Amino acid sequence: MLSNFIQIVHYCLTFFNETLKDIQEGVKAGGEQISAISFADDQAMVSHTLRGLQVIMDALQNTSEKYNMRITTKKTKVLSLWWKEEL
């Protein structure tokens, strides 16, 4: 049972690493560029701009099609946060 879980986690990490390997979009945190945040089977794609987010989502769609997967739009949400000053 644990080995199945580990295989699934490995597959997911491989999938998202392939998706994001050439992506320059995202946000800077601690000097690192972050394009996605993962927790269990949830993913959060992050960017400072709508265009950047679209680039990330297009890459995710292309990789999904390559592996015969699909993004469930019923579960997909967009959250927009704006700050007046840079953190």
C-alpha atoms as a PDB file:
ATOM      1  CA  MET A   1       0.000   0.000   0.000  1.00  0.00           C
ATOM      2  CA  LEU A   2       2.772   2.453   0.943  1.00  0.00           C
ATOM      3  CA  SER A   3       4.739   1.508  -2.153  1.00  0.00           C
ATOM      4  CA  ASN A   4       1.720   2.405  -4.347  1.00  0.00           C
ATOM      5  CA  PHE A   5       1.508   5.782  -2.616  1.00  0.00           C
ATOM      6  CA  ILE A   6       5.221   6.386  -3.161  1.00  0.00           C
ATOM      7  CA  GLN A   7       4.876   5.474  -6.850  1.00  0.00           C
ATOM      8  CA  ILE A   8       1.972   7.923  -7.240  1.00  0.00           C
ATOM      9  CA  VAL A   9       3.890  10.706  -5.507  1.00  0.00           C
ATOM     10  CA  HIS A  10       6.940   9.989  -7.683  1.00  0.00           C
ATOM     11  CA  TYR A  11       4.774  10.061 -10.830  1.00  0.00           C
ATOM     12  CA  CYS A  12       3.187  13.378  -9.811  1.00  0.00           C
ATOM     13  CA  LEU A  13       6.547  14.972  -9.029  1.00  0.00           C
ATOM     14  CA  THR A  14       7.990  13.752 -12.322  1.00  0.00           C
ATOM     15  CA  PHE A  15       4.930  15.079 -14.178  1.00  0.00           C
ATOM     16  CA  PHE A  16       5.140  18.544 -12.617  1.00  0.00           C
ATOM     17  CA  ASN A  17       8.932  18.737 -12.934  1.00  0.00           C
ATOM     18  CA  GLU A  18       8.579  18.022 -16.651  1.00  0.00           C
ATOM     19  CA  THR A  19       5.797  20.602 -16.951  1.00  0.00           C
ATOM     20  CA  LEU A  20       7.700  23.385 -15.216  1.00  0.00           C
ATOM     21  CA  LYS A  21      11.314  22.667 -16.229  1.00  0.00           C
ATOM     22  CA  ASP A  22      11.502  25.422 -18.880  1.00  0.00           C
ATOM     23  CA  ILE A  23       8.995  27.837 -17.339  1.00  0.00           C
ATOM     24  CA  GLN A  24      10.403  31.222 -16.321  1.00  0.00           C
ATOM     25  CA  GLU A  25       7.109  32.472 -14.862  1.00  0.00           C
ATOM     26  CA  GLY A  26       6.170  32.444 -11.198  1.00  0.00           C
ATOM     27  CA  VAL A  27       6.986  34.387  -8.053  1.00  0.00           C
ATOM     28  CA  LYS A  28      10.250  34.952  -6.201  1.00  0.00           C
ATOM     29  CA  ALA A  29      10.395  33.644  -2.633  1.00  0.00           C
ATOM     30  CA  GLY A  30      13.629  33.380  -0.676  1.00  0.00           C
ATOM     31  CA  GLY A  31      15.602  34.015  -3.858  1.00  0.00           C
ATOM     32  CA  GLU A  32      13.967  31.050  -5.635  1.00  0.00           C
ATOM     33  CA  GLN A  33      11.555  31.134  -8.570  1.00  0.00           C
ATOM     34  CA  ILE A  34       8.338  29.293  -7.663  1.00  0.00           C
ATOM     35  CA  SER A  35       5.781  28.364 -10.333  1.00  0.00           C
ATOM     36  CA  ALA A  36       3.757  25.780  -8.401  1.00  0.00           C
ATOM     37  CA  ILE A  37       3.019  24.688  -4.863  1.00  0.00           C
ATOM     38  CA  SER A  38       2.003  21.077  -4.222  1.00  0.00           C
ATOM     39  CA  PHE A  39       0.116  19.557  -1.312  1.00  0.00           C
ATOM     40  CA  ALA A  40      -1.133  15.953  -1.460  1.00  0.00           C
ATOM     41  CA  ASP A  41      -3.016  15.745  -4.783  1.00  0.00           C
ATOM     42  CA  ASP A  42      -3.588  19.521  -5.041  1.00  0.00           C
ATOM     43  CA  GLN A  43      -1.514  21.937  -7.085  1.00  0.00           C
ATOM     44  CA  ALA A  44      -1.385  25.719  -6.947  1.00  0.00           C
ATOM     45  CA  MET A  45       0.130  27.472  -9.937  1.00  0.00           C
ATOM     46  CA  VAL A  46       1.455  30.926  -9.049  1.00  0.00           C
ATOM     47  CA  SER A  47       2.516  33.988 -11.024  1.00  0.00           C
ATOM     48  CA  HIS A  48       2.707  37.762 -10.674  1.00  0.00           C
ATOM     49  CA  THR A  49       0.823  38.238 -13.937  1.00  0.00           C
ATOM     50  CA  LEU A  50      -2.158  36.768 -15.754  1.00  0.00           C
ATOM     51  CA  ARG A  51       0.076  36.176 -18.768  1.00  0.00           C
ATOM     52  CA  GLY A  52       2.547  34.276 -16.615  1.00  0.00           C
ATOM     53  CA  LEU A  53      -0.227  32.143 -15.152  1.00  0.00           C
ATOM     54  CA  GLN A  54      -1.512  31.405 -18.663  1.00  0.00           C
ATOM     55  CA  VAL A  55       1.990  30.295 -19.744  1.00  0.00           C
ATOM     56  CA  ILE A  56       2.128  27.894 -16.777  1.00  0.00           C
ATOM     57  CA  MET A  57      -1.377  26.548 -17.426  1.00  0.00           C
ATOM     58  CA  ASP A  58      -0.618  26.056 -21.133  1.00  0.00           C
ATOM     59  CA  ALA A  59       2.480  24.040 -20.210  1.00  0.00           C
ATOM     60  CA  LEU A  60       0.397  21.997 -17.765  1.00  0.00           C
ATOM     61  CA  GLN A  61      -2.200  21.339 -20.476  1.00  0.00           C
ATOM     62  CA  ASN A  62       0.460  20.255 -22.983  1.00  0.00           C
ATOM     63  CA  THR A  63       2.091  17.851 -20.529  1.00  0.00           C
ATOM     64  CA  SER A  64      -1.323  16.529 -19.483  1.00  0.00           C
ATOM     65  CA  GLU A  65      -2.179  15.705 -23.095  1.00  0.00           C
ATOM     66  CA  LYS A  66       1.188  13.974 -23.550  1.00  0.00           C
ATOM     67  CA  TYR A  67       0.341  11.609 -20.674  1.00  0.00           C
ATOM     68  CA  ASN A  68      -3.325  11.238 -21.698  1.00  0.00           C
ATOM     69  CA  MET A  69      -4.523  13.126 -18.634  1.00  0.00           C
ATOM     70  CA  ARG A  70      -6.921  16.020 -18.308  1.00  0.00           C
ATOM     71  CA  ILE A  71      -7.396  18.976 -16.015  1.00  0.00           C
ATOM     72  CA  THR A  72     -10.734  18.787 -14.218  1.00  0.00           C
ATOM     73  CA  THR A  73     -12.199  22.235 -14.803  1.00  0.00           C
ATOM     74  CA  LYS A  74     -14.986  21.653 -12.279  1.00  0.00           C
ATOM     75  CA  LYS A  75     -12.311  21.524  -9.564  1.00  0.00           C
ATOM     76  CA  THR A  76     -10.215  24.375 -10.971  1.00  0.00           C
ATOM     77  CA  LYS A  77     -10.287  27.721  -9.161  1.00  0.00           C
ATOM     78  CA  VAL A  78      -8.540  31.048  -9.728  1.00  0.00           C
ATOM     79  CA  LEU A  79      -7.522  33.211  -6.795  1.00  0.00           C
ATOM     80  CA  SER A  80      -6.203  36.715  -7.372  1.00  0.00           C
ATOM     81  CA  LEU A  81      -4.384  38.643  -4.653  1.00  0.00           C
ATOM     82  CA  TRP A  82      -3.156  42.207  -4.988  1.00  0.00           C
ATOM     83  CA  TRP A  83      -0.860  44.128  -2.646  1.00  0.00           C
ATOM     84  CA  LYS A  84      -0.316  47.870  -2.774  1.00  0.00           C
ATOM     85  CA  GLU A  85       3.321  47.446  -1.782  1.00  0.00           C
ATOM     86  CA  GLU A  86       5.805  44.717  -2.519  1.00  0.00           C
ATOM     87  CA  LEU A  87       6.330  42.220   0.289  1.00  0.00           C
END
